[in-house]
Amino acid sequence: MLNQSLQQKLLQKLSPQQILLMKLLQLPITQFEQRIKEELEVNPALEEGNEDRDFEEVSTDATETDFTKSEDGDEASDDNESIDEPTHEDDVDITEFFDEDDEGIADYKLRDPSEFADPDDENKTIPVAVTRSFHDYLEEQIGLLSLSDKEYQIALHLIGSIEDDGYLRRDLEAIEDDLAFSQNIVTTGEEVRHVLEIVQQLDPPGIGAQTLSECLLIQLYRKENPTNATEIAIKILKDQFDLFVKKHYEKLEKILGINAETLKSALEEIIQLNPRPGNAISENTSLEHYIIPDFILINNSGELSVMLNARNAPELRISNSFREMMRDYKNIDKRSKNQREALQFVKQKIDSAKWFIDAIKQRQHTLLSTMNAILHLQYEYLLSGDETRLRPMILKDVAELTQLDISTISRVSNSKFLQTEFGTFPLKFFFSEAITTDSGEEVSTREVKKILSDIIQAEDKSNPVSDQELTDALRDKGYNIARRTVAKYREQFNIPIARMRKQL
C-alpha cells in the first residue's frame, strides 16, 4: 500500500562554485595551467588579460573558504565561509524574458558546430617530439643480423616482450604459445631459446636476461680481456649467487679458496656491472621531468617572505564582446525566442567565467595563507636549512593558525612545492610527528631521522652499526626510542640491515 508523507531534512550541499574551488586547490601548477587552458577553450566569455572594472584583486584579509565533513560523509562548507556567487552591475535576471511555453531546445544546440567555424582558420597539428624508443633500438640491431624469416619474427616477438629495464620475465613456453596463436608460427622451446641467445648478444650487454644473475653473467662473458677477478666473479654469480646476495663473504672465501683481497677484486668486477641494462637506453630517449615550484621563499637580509609563482596568478577577464552583447540584449524592448535563447547562453557563459575568476583568486589567497602559516611554524628551519631545526607540525597546527579546515590544508599541501635557497621541497616535507626527549622537549621525528642517517653515513663500512647500537646512540643523545622504531626509520630511508651494508 502506497502512502504519502512529509519529511524535513537538514542537509549540507556543496554549490558548483565550492566544488570548483576544491578541485582547483589540489591541482599542482602544471595541471592548474592546463585547467585554465581547458576553461579558455570551452568558455568564449573568458579570455586572458587584466580585468579593469568588474573584479578587484584579492586582499590579504579576504574571507577564506573552509570545508567540513557533513553527516553523510560529503564535504561541506561552513555557512559563514561559503563562496557567494559574484554580483555585478551588468547582471541581468533573464527569467523575466521567458514564457512558460518556451520550453523547447535552444536552436543553437541543434545546429551543426561546423556552421560556427571560421573558414579562415587553418587545421593546425600539434608537433610531437620524435624519439627512438628502447625497442626500436633493439629492432634496428636485429635487422643487421643474418636470420631466417622465422627467426626474425621470433626475435621481434621476444624484443616486444622485453620490459623497459631490459629483462624478459615472460616464460618461454608462454611466448611459444603466443607465436602459435597470434602469428601462426609453430616453433619449439629449443628454437625460441636459440633466438633468445641471439637477442642477448645485442647492445647494451645484459639485454633479454630472465634473472639478475643471468644479466650480470652476460655482461661478464662479453667483457674484453677478462682477468682472474673476472673468472672468480663468474663463479660467484653462477654457483654462489645466494651467498653473494646475502653478503656471506667469509663463506665465499672458504668455498672458493681465496683470500679477502682476491674476493674484493671479484666483487668490484660485479659492482661495475649494470643490473638494469634497459635504463641505459630509456634514460636517454625519455623526456626529463622538472619540478615547478608553486611558492618561492625570499630571504631579505634575514627576513623571510613567501610569494606565489607568477604562473599561479593568471590574468583573466570577461570578454568585451560578451559584455556588449549583454548590453545590446538589455536595450531591446521586445525579444524574440531566438534572442531570449541567445541571452540565456551569453548570461550562462558570463556567470561561469565570473565564478572561475573568483575561484582562482580565492585559490591564490588560500595558497598564500597556508604557506605563510607553514613559514611561521618552520621559520628557523627555512632560515638556516638545518634539518634538525624542523619543528613538529601536523595539518591541525596549520588549520588552527589559518582558521581553515584540515581538509583544505590537505588539498593545498598535496603536490605543491616550495623553492628555497637550499633546495626545492614538497610541502609535505615540513609535516612530521613529535617525539618527547628525556628533557621533556618535543622534537620532530624528521630531526631524529636526520641524526640516524648521519650516524649510518659516518659508520665504518667494514663493521656497520647494528640497530641496537643505533638505538643506544640515539638514547645517549636524549632520544628515548625503541629498537623497532629505529628499524622502521631505517627502512623508510631504504637503508638495509648492518650485514647488508658491510663492505670489504
Protein backbone atom coordinates (compact mmCIF):
# COMPACT_ATOMS: atom_id res chain seq x y z
CA MET A 1 0.00 0.00 0.00
CA LEU A 2 1.40 3.38 -1.01
CA ASN A 3 1.37 6.28 1.42
CA GLN A 4 2.44 9.88 1.10
CA SER A 5 4.24 11.65 3.91
CA LEU A 6 6.18 14.85 4.51
CA GLN A 7 9.74 14.81 5.83
CA GLN A 8 12.07 17.59 6.86
CA LYS A 9 15.82 17.10 6.42
CA LEU A 10 18.70 19.42 7.11
CA LEU A 11 21.47 18.72 4.57
CA GLN A 12 24.66 20.49 3.70
CA LYS A 13 25.34 20.57 -0.01
CA LEU A 14 28.25 21.99 -1.96
CA SER A 15 27.48 24.57 -4.61
CA PRO A 16 29.13 24.22 -8.03
CA GLN A 17 31.40 27.14 -7.13
CA GLN A 18 32.62 25.41 -3.95
CA ILE A 19 33.29 22.19 -5.87
CA LEU A 20 35.24 24.18 -8.47
CA LEU A 21 37.40 25.79 -5.78
CA MET A 22 38.14 22.45 -4.10
CA LYS A 23 39.26 20.96 -7.39
CA LEU A 24 41.47 23.95 -8.19
CA LEU A 25 43.07 23.90 -4.73
CA GLN A 26 44.51 20.44 -5.09
CA LEU A 27 46.00 20.98 -8.56
CA PRO A 28 49.78 21.47 -8.86
CA ILE A 29 50.95 24.32 -11.02
CA THR A 30 51.30 22.38 -14.30
CA GLN A 31 47.82 20.84 -14.04
CA PHE A 32 46.42 24.20 -12.93
CA GLU A 33 47.73 25.81 -16.12
CA GLN A 34 46.20 23.01 -18.18
CA ARG A 35 42.87 23.50 -16.39
CA ILE A 36 42.91 27.21 -17.29
CA LYS A 37 43.61 26.38 -20.94
CA GLU A 38 40.66 23.97 -20.97
CA GLU A 39 38.37 26.62 -19.49
CA LEU A 40 39.51 29.19 -22.05
CA GLU A 41 38.70 26.73 -24.83
CA VAL A 42 35.18 25.83 -23.65
CA ASN A 43 34.08 29.28 -22.44
CA PRO A 44 34.21 32.02 -25.09
CA ALA A 45 33.27 34.65 -22.48
CA LEU A 46 36.59 34.09 -20.71
CA GLU A 47 39.83 35.45 -22.08
CA GLU A 48 43.32 36.34 -20.95
CA GLY A 49 44.10 39.86 -19.83
CA ASN A 50 43.62 42.33 -16.96
CA GLU A 51 40.13 42.93 -15.61
CA ASP A 52 39.66 46.68 -15.25
CA ARG A 53 36.16 47.08 -13.86
CA ASP A 54 34.29 44.10 -12.52
CA PHE A 55 36.93 42.36 -10.42
CA GLU A 56 39.20 43.54 -7.65
CA GLU A 57 42.46 41.97 -6.61
CA VAL A 58 42.36 39.51 -3.69
CA SER A 59 43.27 41.25 -0.45
CA THR A 60 45.16 39.57 2.38
CA ASP A 61 42.16 39.84 4.70
CA ALA A 62 39.71 38.29 2.26
CA THR A 63 37.20 35.81 3.63
CA GLU A 64 38.55 32.30 3.15
CA THR A 65 36.68 29.18 2.19
CA ASP A 66 36.56 26.38 4.72
CA PHE A 67 35.30 22.85 4.37
CA THR A 68 33.90 20.47 6.96
CA LYS A 69 32.50 17.00 6.88
CA SER A 70 28.76 16.51 6.71
CA GLU A 71 27.00 13.66 8.43
CA ASP A 72 26.74 11.63 5.24
CA GLY A 73 30.48 11.85 4.58
CA ASP A 74 30.37 14.62 2.00
CA GLU A 75 32.43 17.73 2.48
CA ALA A 76 30.51 20.93 3.03
CA SER A 77 31.48 24.50 3.73
CA ASP A 78 30.74 26.48 6.83
CA ASP A 79 27.85 28.90 6.38
CA ASN A 80 29.99 31.86 7.36
CA GLU A 81 32.72 30.95 4.87
CA SER A 82 30.81 29.93 1.76
CA ILE A 83 31.52 31.20 -1.72
CA ASP A 84 28.90 33.71 -2.69
CA GLU A 85 28.00 34.00 -6.33
CA PRO A 86 29.57 37.17 -7.71
CA THR A 87 27.24 40.13 -8.10
CA HIS A 88 27.89 42.75 -10.75
CA GLU A 89 26.11 45.73 -12.15
CA ASP A 90 25.82 44.13 -15.58
CA ASP A 91 24.00 41.02 -14.28
CA VAL A 92 20.57 40.55 -15.84
CA ASP A 93 17.72 38.47 -14.46
CA ILE A 94 16.80 36.57 -17.60
CA THR A 95 13.83 34.75 -16.06
CA GLU A 96 11.58 37.71 -16.89
CA PHE A 97 12.26 37.20 -20.58
CA PHE A 98 10.93 33.62 -20.76
CA ASP A 99 7.36 32.44 -21.05
CA GLU A 100 6.06 29.17 -19.67
CA ASP A 101 5.53 27.81 -23.18
CA ASP A 102 9.16 28.46 -24.19
CA GLU A 103 10.47 25.06 -23.09
CA GLY A 104 11.89 23.86 -26.36
CA ILE A 105 15.52 23.11 -27.08
CA ALA A 106 17.64 26.09 -27.96
CA ASP A 107 18.17 26.47 -31.69
CA TYR A 108 21.94 26.80 -31.43
CA LYS A 109 22.11 23.39 -29.73
CA LEU A 110 20.57 21.68 -32.79
CA ARG A 111 22.84 23.26 -35.36
CA ASP A 112 25.98 21.72 -36.81
CA PRO A 113 29.10 23.01 -34.95
CA SER A 114 30.82 23.40 -38.31
CA GLU A 115 28.45 26.28 -39.08
CA PHE A 116 30.14 28.35 -36.39
CA ALA A 117 33.68 27.57 -37.62
CA ASP A 118 35.75 30.35 -39.08
CA PRO A 119 36.61 29.44 -42.70
CA ASP A 120 39.90 31.32 -42.34
CA ASP A 121 41.08 29.06 -39.55
CA GLU A 122 43.75 26.57 -40.55
CA ASN A 123 43.81 22.96 -39.47
CA LYS A 124 46.85 23.05 -37.26
CA THR A 125 48.51 19.97 -35.83
CA ILE A 126 50.44 19.90 -32.60
CA PRO A 127 54.09 18.96 -33.19
CA VAL A 128 55.24 15.85 -31.35
CA ALA A 129 58.85 15.14 -30.50
CA VAL A 130 60.12 12.08 -32.37
CA THR A 131 62.43 9.90 -30.31
CA ARG A 132 63.85 6.43 -30.80
CA SER A 133 62.45 4.06 -28.22
CA PHE A 134 64.27 1.28 -26.43
CA HIS A 135 62.57 -1.41 -28.53
CA ASP A 136 63.25 0.48 -31.79
CA TYR A 137 66.95 0.43 -30.94
CA LEU A 138 66.89 -3.35 -30.49
CA GLU A 139 64.88 -3.92 -33.68
CA GLU A 140 67.42 -1.92 -35.67
CA GLN A 141 70.18 -4.25 -34.47
CA ILE A 142 68.14 -7.36 -35.31
CA GLY A 143 67.71 -6.07 -38.86
CA LEU A 144 71.50 -6.17 -39.32
CA LEU A 145 71.81 -9.88 -38.43
CA SER A 146 71.60 -12.83 -40.81
CA LEU A 147 68.38 -14.50 -39.70
CA SER A 148 65.74 -16.54 -41.46
CA ASP A 149 62.24 -15.08 -41.76
CA LYS A 150 61.02 -17.35 -38.97
CA GLU A 151 63.89 -16.45 -36.66
CA TYR A 152 63.38 -12.77 -37.42
CA GLN A 153 59.68 -12.93 -36.44
CA ILE A 154 60.54 -14.81 -33.24
CA ALA A 155 63.23 -12.23 -32.42
CA LEU A 156 60.78 -9.36 -32.94
CA HIS A 157 58.28 -11.04 -30.62
CA LEU A 158 60.95 -11.58 -27.98
CA ILE A 159 62.04 -7.93 -28.22
CA GLY A 160 58.44 -6.82 -27.82
CA SER A 161 58.20 -8.93 -24.65
CA ILE A 162 61.30 -7.34 -23.08
CA GLU A 163 60.41 -4.85 -20.35
CA ASP A 164 61.80 -1.33 -20.14
CA ASP A 165 64.54 -2.32 -17.68
CA GLY A 166 65.87 -4.87 -20.20
CA TYR A 167 64.56 -8.11 -18.65
CA LEU A 168 62.47 -10.81 -20.32
CA ARG A 169 60.24 -12.02 -17.49
CA ARG A 170 57.76 -14.00 -19.57
CA ASP A 171 58.11 -17.76 -19.61
CA LEU A 172 59.44 -19.12 -22.91
CA GLU A 173 56.60 -21.63 -23.11
CA ALA A 174 54.08 -18.78 -22.95
CA ILE A 175 55.97 -16.99 -25.72
CA GLU A 176 55.90 -20.20 -27.77
CA ASP A 177 52.09 -20.32 -27.36
CA ASP A 178 51.75 -16.65 -28.29
CA LEU A 179 53.67 -17.21 -31.51
CA ALA A 180 51.41 -20.13 -32.43
CA PHE A 181 48.08 -18.41 -31.71
CA SER A 182 48.76 -14.78 -32.64
CA GLN A 183 51.20 -15.13 -35.56
CA ASN A 184 50.63 -18.73 -36.66
CA ILE A 185 54.31 -19.55 -36.14
CA VAL A 186 54.84 -23.11 -34.96
CA THR A 187 58.12 -23.42 -33.09
CA THR A 188 59.77 -25.32 -30.25
CA GLY A 189 61.22 -24.28 -26.92
CA GLU A 190 64.74 -25.04 -28.17
CA GLU A 191 64.28 -22.75 -31.18
CA VAL A 192 62.92 -19.93 -29.02
CA ARG A 193 65.85 -20.37 -26.63
CA HIS A 194 68.29 -20.25 -29.57
CA VAL A 195 66.80 -16.97 -30.85
CA LEU A 196 66.81 -15.56 -27.32
CA GLU A 197 70.55 -16.22 -27.10
CA ILE A 198 70.93 -14.20 -30.31
CA VAL A 199 68.87 -11.34 -28.80
CA GLN A 200 71.05 -11.45 -25.70
CA GLN A 201 74.03 -10.61 -27.89
CA LEU A 202 72.56 -7.20 -28.69
CA ASP A 203 73.66 -3.97 -27.07
CA PRO A 204 73.63 -2.93 -24.31
CA PRO A 205 75.03 -6.12 -22.74
CA GLY A 206 72.57 -7.91 -20.46
CA ILE A 207 69.50 -7.31 -22.62
CA GLY A 208 67.00 -10.19 -22.67
CA ALA A 209 68.15 -11.80 -19.42
CA GLN A 210 65.49 -13.57 -17.37
CA THR A 211 67.15 -13.19 -13.98
CA LEU A 212 69.58 -10.78 -12.33
CA SER A 213 72.35 -13.38 -12.18
CA GLU A 214 71.93 -14.14 -15.89
CA CYS A 215 72.02 -10.41 -16.70
CA LEU A 216 75.31 -9.94 -14.84
CA LEU A 217 76.81 -13.12 -16.30
CA ILE A 218 76.04 -12.00 -19.85
CA GLN A 219 77.95 -8.79 -19.22
CA LEU A 220 80.93 -10.67 -17.74
CA TYR A 221 81.03 -13.15 -20.64
CA ARG A 222 81.18 -10.28 -23.13
CA LYS A 223 83.91 -8.45 -21.28
CA GLU A 224 87.12 -7.96 -23.25
CA ASN A 225 90.42 -9.10 -21.74
CA PRO A 226 88.97 -11.00 -18.76
CA THR A 227 91.19 -11.19 -15.68
CA ASN A 228 91.42 -13.66 -12.82
CA ALA A 229 88.99 -11.46 -10.88
CA THR A 230 86.55 -11.76 -13.79
CA GLU A 231 86.73 -15.58 -13.69
CA ILE A 232 86.10 -15.61 -9.94
CA ALA A 233 83.19 -13.19 -10.37
CA ILE A 234 81.66 -15.57 -12.93
CA LYS A 235 81.99 -18.48 -10.47
CA ILE A 236 80.33 -16.42 -7.73
CA LEU A 237 77.36 -15.42 -9.90
CA LYS A 238 76.98 -18.86 -11.44
CA ASP A 239 77.37 -21.11 -8.39
CA GLN A 240 77.23 -18.96 -5.23
CA PHE A 241 74.74 -16.23 -6.09
CA ASP A 242 72.71 -16.60 -2.85
CA LEU A 243 75.82 -16.19 -0.70
CA PHE A 244 76.80 -13.13 -2.72
CA VAL A 245 73.36 -11.51 -2.31
CA LYS A 246 73.36 -12.15 1.44
CA LYS A 247 76.97 -10.90 1.70
CA HIS A 248 78.32 -14.01 3.42
CA TYR A 249 81.86 -13.08 2.46
CA GLU A 250 83.60 -15.44 4.89
CA LYS A 251 81.75 -18.43 3.42
CA LEU A 252 82.62 -17.33 -0.13
CA GLU A 253 86.31 -17.13 0.76
CA LYS A 254 86.20 -20.61 2.25
CA ILE A 255 84.26 -22.24 -0.62
CA LEU A 256 86.30 -20.60 -3.40
CA GLY A 257 89.58 -20.96 -1.54
CA ILE A 258 90.57 -17.32 -1.94
CA ASN A 259 91.65 -14.56 0.40
CA ALA A 260 89.79 -11.34 1.23
CA GLU A 261 91.81 -9.25 -1.23
CA THR A 262 91.01 -11.55 -4.16
CA LEU A 263 87.34 -11.62 -3.18
CA LYS A 264 87.30 -7.83 -3.03
CA SER A 265 88.68 -7.60 -6.59
CA ALA A 266 85.99 -10.02 -7.83
CA LEU A 267 83.24 -8.06 -6.09
CA GLU A 268 84.50 -4.85 -7.68
CA GLU A 269 84.09 -6.52 -11.07
CA ILE A 270 80.45 -7.29 -10.24
CA ILE A 271 79.70 -3.87 -8.77
CA GLN A 272 80.75 -2.19 -12.02
CA LEU A 273 78.06 -4.10 -13.98
CA ASN A 274 74.66 -2.63 -14.86
CA PRO A 275 71.77 -4.52 -13.20
CA ARG A 276 69.20 -2.67 -15.37
CA PRO A 277 70.64 -2.53 -18.90
CA GLY A 278 67.42 -1.19 -20.42
CA ASN A 279 67.72 2.02 -18.45
CA ALA A 280 70.89 2.91 -20.32
CA ILE A 281 68.74 3.46 -23.42
CA SER A 282 65.40 4.56 -21.96
CA GLU A 283 67.00 7.31 -19.86
CA ASN A 284 68.48 8.86 -22.99
CA THR A 285 65.25 8.70 -25.01
CA SER A 286 62.70 9.70 -22.37
CA LEU A 287 61.76 13.29 -21.71
CA GLU A 288 63.04 14.76 -18.47
CA HIS A 289 60.57 15.91 -15.84
CA TYR A 290 61.17 19.11 -13.95
CA ILE A 291 59.61 20.28 -10.71
CA ILE A 292 57.99 23.69 -10.98
CA PRO A 293 57.68 25.31 -7.52
CA ASP A 294 54.32 26.76 -6.52
CA PHE A 295 55.92 29.06 -3.92
CA ILE A 296 59.23 30.94 -3.80
CA LEU A 297 60.94 31.73 -0.49
CA ILE A 298 62.62 35.15 -0.38
CA ASN A 299 65.36 35.90 2.17
CA ASN A 300 65.83 39.65 2.50
CA SER A 301 68.73 40.07 4.94
CA GLY A 302 67.33 37.51 7.35
CA GLU A 303 63.67 38.49 6.85
CA LEU A 304 61.77 35.66 5.18
CA SER A 305 58.71 36.06 3.00
CA VAL A 306 56.84 33.86 0.54
CA MET A 307 55.48 34.72 -2.88
CA LEU A 308 53.38 32.74 -5.31
CA ASN A 309 54.87 31.61 -8.57
CA ALA A 310 53.59 34.04 -11.21
CA ARG A 311 52.14 31.08 -13.10
CA ASN A 312 49.76 30.57 -10.17
CA ALA A 313 48.26 34.03 -10.73
CA PRO A 314 46.99 34.19 -14.32
CA GLU A 315 45.32 37.34 -15.67
CA LEU A 316 41.77 36.54 -16.81
CA ARG A 317 38.82 38.75 -17.68
CA ILE A 318 35.34 38.73 -19.15
CA SER A 319 35.28 39.15 -22.92
CA ASN A 320 34.32 42.66 -24.02
CA SER A 321 32.30 41.26 -26.91
CA PHE A 322 30.13 39.30 -24.49
CA ARG A 323 29.64 42.42 -22.36
CA GLU A 324 28.47 44.31 -25.43
CA MET A 325 26.10 41.50 -26.41
CA MET A 326 24.58 41.58 -22.92
CA ARG A 327 24.05 45.35 -23.14
CA ASP A 328 22.55 45.07 -26.61
CA TYR A 329 20.00 42.50 -25.46
CA LYS A 330 19.13 44.67 -22.44
CA ASN A 331 18.27 47.57 -24.76
CA ILE A 332 15.83 45.50 -26.82
CA ASP A 333 12.26 46.15 -25.68
CA LYS A 334 10.64 43.02 -27.06
CA ARG A 335 12.81 39.98 -27.64
CA SER A 336 12.14 37.10 -29.96
CA LYS A 337 12.56 33.47 -28.92
CA ASN A 338 15.98 33.24 -30.58
CA GLN A 339 17.09 36.41 -28.84
CA ARG A 340 15.97 35.05 -25.47
CA GLU A 341 17.89 31.83 -26.11
CA ALA A 342 20.98 33.82 -27.10
CA LEU A 343 20.60 35.93 -23.96
CA GLN A 344 20.45 32.80 -21.83
CA PHE A 345 23.61 31.44 -23.48
CA VAL A 346 25.53 34.71 -23.01
CA LYS A 347 24.41 35.04 -19.38
CA GLN A 348 25.43 31.45 -18.62
CA LYS A 349 28.90 31.87 -20.09
CA ILE A 350 29.50 35.20 -18.34
CA ASP A 351 28.44 33.78 -14.97
CA SER A 352 30.63 30.74 -15.50
CA ALA A 353 33.59 32.99 -16.31
CA LYS A 354 32.97 35.14 -13.21
CA TRP A 355 32.82 32.07 -10.96
CA PHE A 356 36.03 30.72 -12.46
CA ILE A 357 37.90 34.02 -11.97
CA ASP A 358 36.64 34.31 -8.37
CA ALA A 359 37.65 30.70 -7.65
CA ILE A 360 41.17 31.35 -8.96
CA LYS A 361 41.55 34.43 -6.75
CA GLN A 362 40.32 32.52 -3.70
CA ARG A 363 42.75 29.75 -4.59
CA GLN A 364 45.61 32.25 -4.61
CA HIS A 365 44.60 33.61 -1.20
CA THR A 366 44.23 30.13 0.30
CA LEU A 367 47.62 29.06 -1.02
CA LEU A 368 49.35 32.12 0.40
CA SER A 369 47.55 31.86 3.75
CA THR A 370 48.60 28.24 4.15
CA MET A 371 52.19 28.84 3.06
CA ASN A 372 52.56 31.82 5.38
CA ALA A 373 51.35 29.65 8.27
CA ILE A 374 53.95 27.00 7.40
CA LEU A 375 56.59 29.74 7.19
CA HIS A 376 55.60 30.95 10.67
CA LEU A 377 55.80 27.44 12.16
CA GLN A 378 59.03 26.40 10.40
CA TYR A 379 60.78 29.79 10.37
CA GLU A 380 64.01 28.57 11.99
CA TYR A 381 64.46 25.74 9.52
CA LEU A 382 63.62 27.87 6.46
CA LEU A 383 66.09 30.50 7.68
CA SER A 384 69.01 28.09 8.22
CA GLY A 385 68.26 24.95 6.18
CA ASP A 386 69.33 22.83 9.17
CA GLU A 387 67.01 19.82 9.18
CA THR A 388 67.43 19.39 12.94
CA ARG A 389 65.58 22.71 13.38
CA LEU A 390 62.36 21.34 11.89
CA ARG A 391 59.52 21.66 14.38
CA PRO A 392 56.83 19.01 14.85
CA MET A 393 53.93 20.09 12.66
CA ILE A 394 50.72 18.39 11.59
CA LEU A 395 47.80 19.51 9.43
CA LYS A 396 45.83 20.53 12.51
CA ASP A 397 48.50 23.07 13.53
CA VAL A 398 48.28 24.86 10.18
CA ALA A 399 44.47 24.64 10.18
CA GLU A 400 44.26 26.34 13.58
CA LEU A 401 46.60 29.12 12.50
CA THR A 402 44.75 29.85 9.25
CA GLN A 403 41.23 29.15 10.61
CA LEU A 404 40.72 26.72 7.75
CA ASP A 405 39.55 23.15 7.82
CA ILE A 406 42.07 20.31 7.85
CA SER A 407 40.73 19.03 4.51
CA THR A 408 41.54 22.40 2.92
CA ILE A 409 45.10 22.32 4.28
CA SER A 410 45.47 18.77 2.99
CA ARG A 411 44.43 19.85 -0.51
CA VAL A 412 46.85 22.76 -0.51
CA SER A 413 49.83 20.73 0.73
CA ASN A 414 49.27 17.94 -1.77
CA SER A 415 51.60 18.05 -4.80
CA LYS A 416 52.80 21.59 -4.06
CA PHE A 417 56.47 22.61 -3.87
CA LEU A 418 58.45 25.42 -2.20
CA GLN A 419 61.67 26.78 -3.71
CA THR A 420 64.30 27.77 -1.12
CA GLU A 421 67.96 28.73 -1.15
CA PHE A 422 68.91 25.18 -0.23
CA GLY A 423 66.60 23.19 -2.46
CA THR A 424 63.03 22.67 -3.62
CA PHE A 425 60.82 20.72 -1.23
CA PRO A 426 57.26 19.36 -1.31
CA LEU A 427 55.05 20.97 1.33
CA LYS A 428 54.53 17.54 2.89
CA PHE A 429 58.22 17.58 3.79
CA PHE A 430 57.51 20.12 6.52
CA PHE A 431 54.90 17.95 8.27
CA SER A 432 56.05 15.45 10.91
CA GLU A 433 55.02 13.93 14.21
CA ALA A 434 56.55 14.82 17.57
CA ILE A 435 58.84 12.85 19.89
CA THR A 436 59.46 13.83 23.51
CA THR A 437 63.10 13.80 24.63
CA ASP A 438 64.37 12.93 28.11
CA SER A 439 64.32 16.64 28.97
CA GLY A 440 60.61 16.87 28.08
CA GLU A 441 61.17 18.82 24.86
CA GLU A 442 59.12 17.91 21.80
CA VAL A 443 61.19 17.43 18.64
CA SER A 444 60.29 16.43 15.11
CA THR A 445 60.66 12.82 14.04
CA ARG A 446 62.46 14.17 10.98
CA GLU A 447 65.16 15.52 13.27
CA VAL A 448 65.63 12.04 14.73
CA LYS A 449 65.73 10.52 11.24
CA LYS A 450 68.39 13.04 10.19
CA ILE A 451 70.58 12.13 13.17
CA LEU A 452 70.05 8.44 12.43
CA SER A 453 71.05 8.94 8.80
CA ASP A 454 74.19 10.88 9.81
CA ILE A 455 75.28 8.07 12.14
CA ILE A 456 74.89 5.47 9.39
CA GLN A 457 76.77 7.58 6.85
CA ALA A 458 79.69 8.03 9.25
CA GLU A 459 79.91 4.34 10.22
CA ASP A 460 82.83 2.04 9.46
CA LYS A 461 81.69 0.21 6.32
CA SER A 462 83.70 -2.87 7.24
CA ASN A 463 81.87 -3.02 10.57
CA PRO A 464 78.43 -1.37 10.17
CA VAL A 465 76.38 -0.20 13.13
CA SER A 466 73.57 -2.54 14.16
CA ASP A 467 70.04 -1.41 15.01
CA GLN A 468 70.72 -1.91 18.71
CA GLU A 469 73.84 0.22 18.51
CA LEU A 470 71.84 2.90 16.67
CA THR A 471 69.23 2.78 19.45
CA ASP A 472 71.92 3.19 22.11
CA ALA A 473 73.50 6.11 20.23
CA LEU A 474 70.16 7.92 20.00
CA ARG A 475 69.47 7.34 23.69
CA ASP A 476 72.85 8.84 24.52
CA LYS A 477 71.69 11.97 22.69
CA GLY A 478 68.47 12.08 24.75
CA TYR A 479 66.08 10.40 22.28
CA ASN A 480 64.38 7.53 24.07
CA ILE A 481 63.28 5.44 21.09
CA ALA A 482 62.57 1.72 20.88
CA ARG A 483 64.70 -0.53 18.68
CA ARG A 484 61.74 -1.41 16.44
CA THR A 485 61.15 2.33 15.84
CA VAL A 486 64.79 2.74 14.81
CA ALA A 487 64.37 -0.17 12.38
CA LYS A 488 61.23 1.47 10.95
CA TYR A 489 63.03 4.79 10.40
CA ARG A 490 65.97 2.98 8.78
CA GLU A 491 63.63 1.18 6.38
CA GLN A 492 61.96 4.48 5.46
CA PHE A 493 65.36 5.64 4.17
CA ASN A 494 65.70 2.35 2.24
CA ILE A 495 68.80 1.53 4.29
CA PRO A 496 69.44 -2.24 4.63
CA ILE A 497 70.41 -4.00 7.83
CA ALA A 498 74.00 -3.87 9.10
CA ARG A 499 75.11 -7.14 7.46
CA MET A 500 73.87 -5.98 4.05
CA ARG A 501 75.78 -2.70 4.40
CA LYS A 502 79.08 -4.43 5.05
CA GLN A 503 81.89 -3.77 2.59
CA LEU A 504 85.33 -5.35 2.29
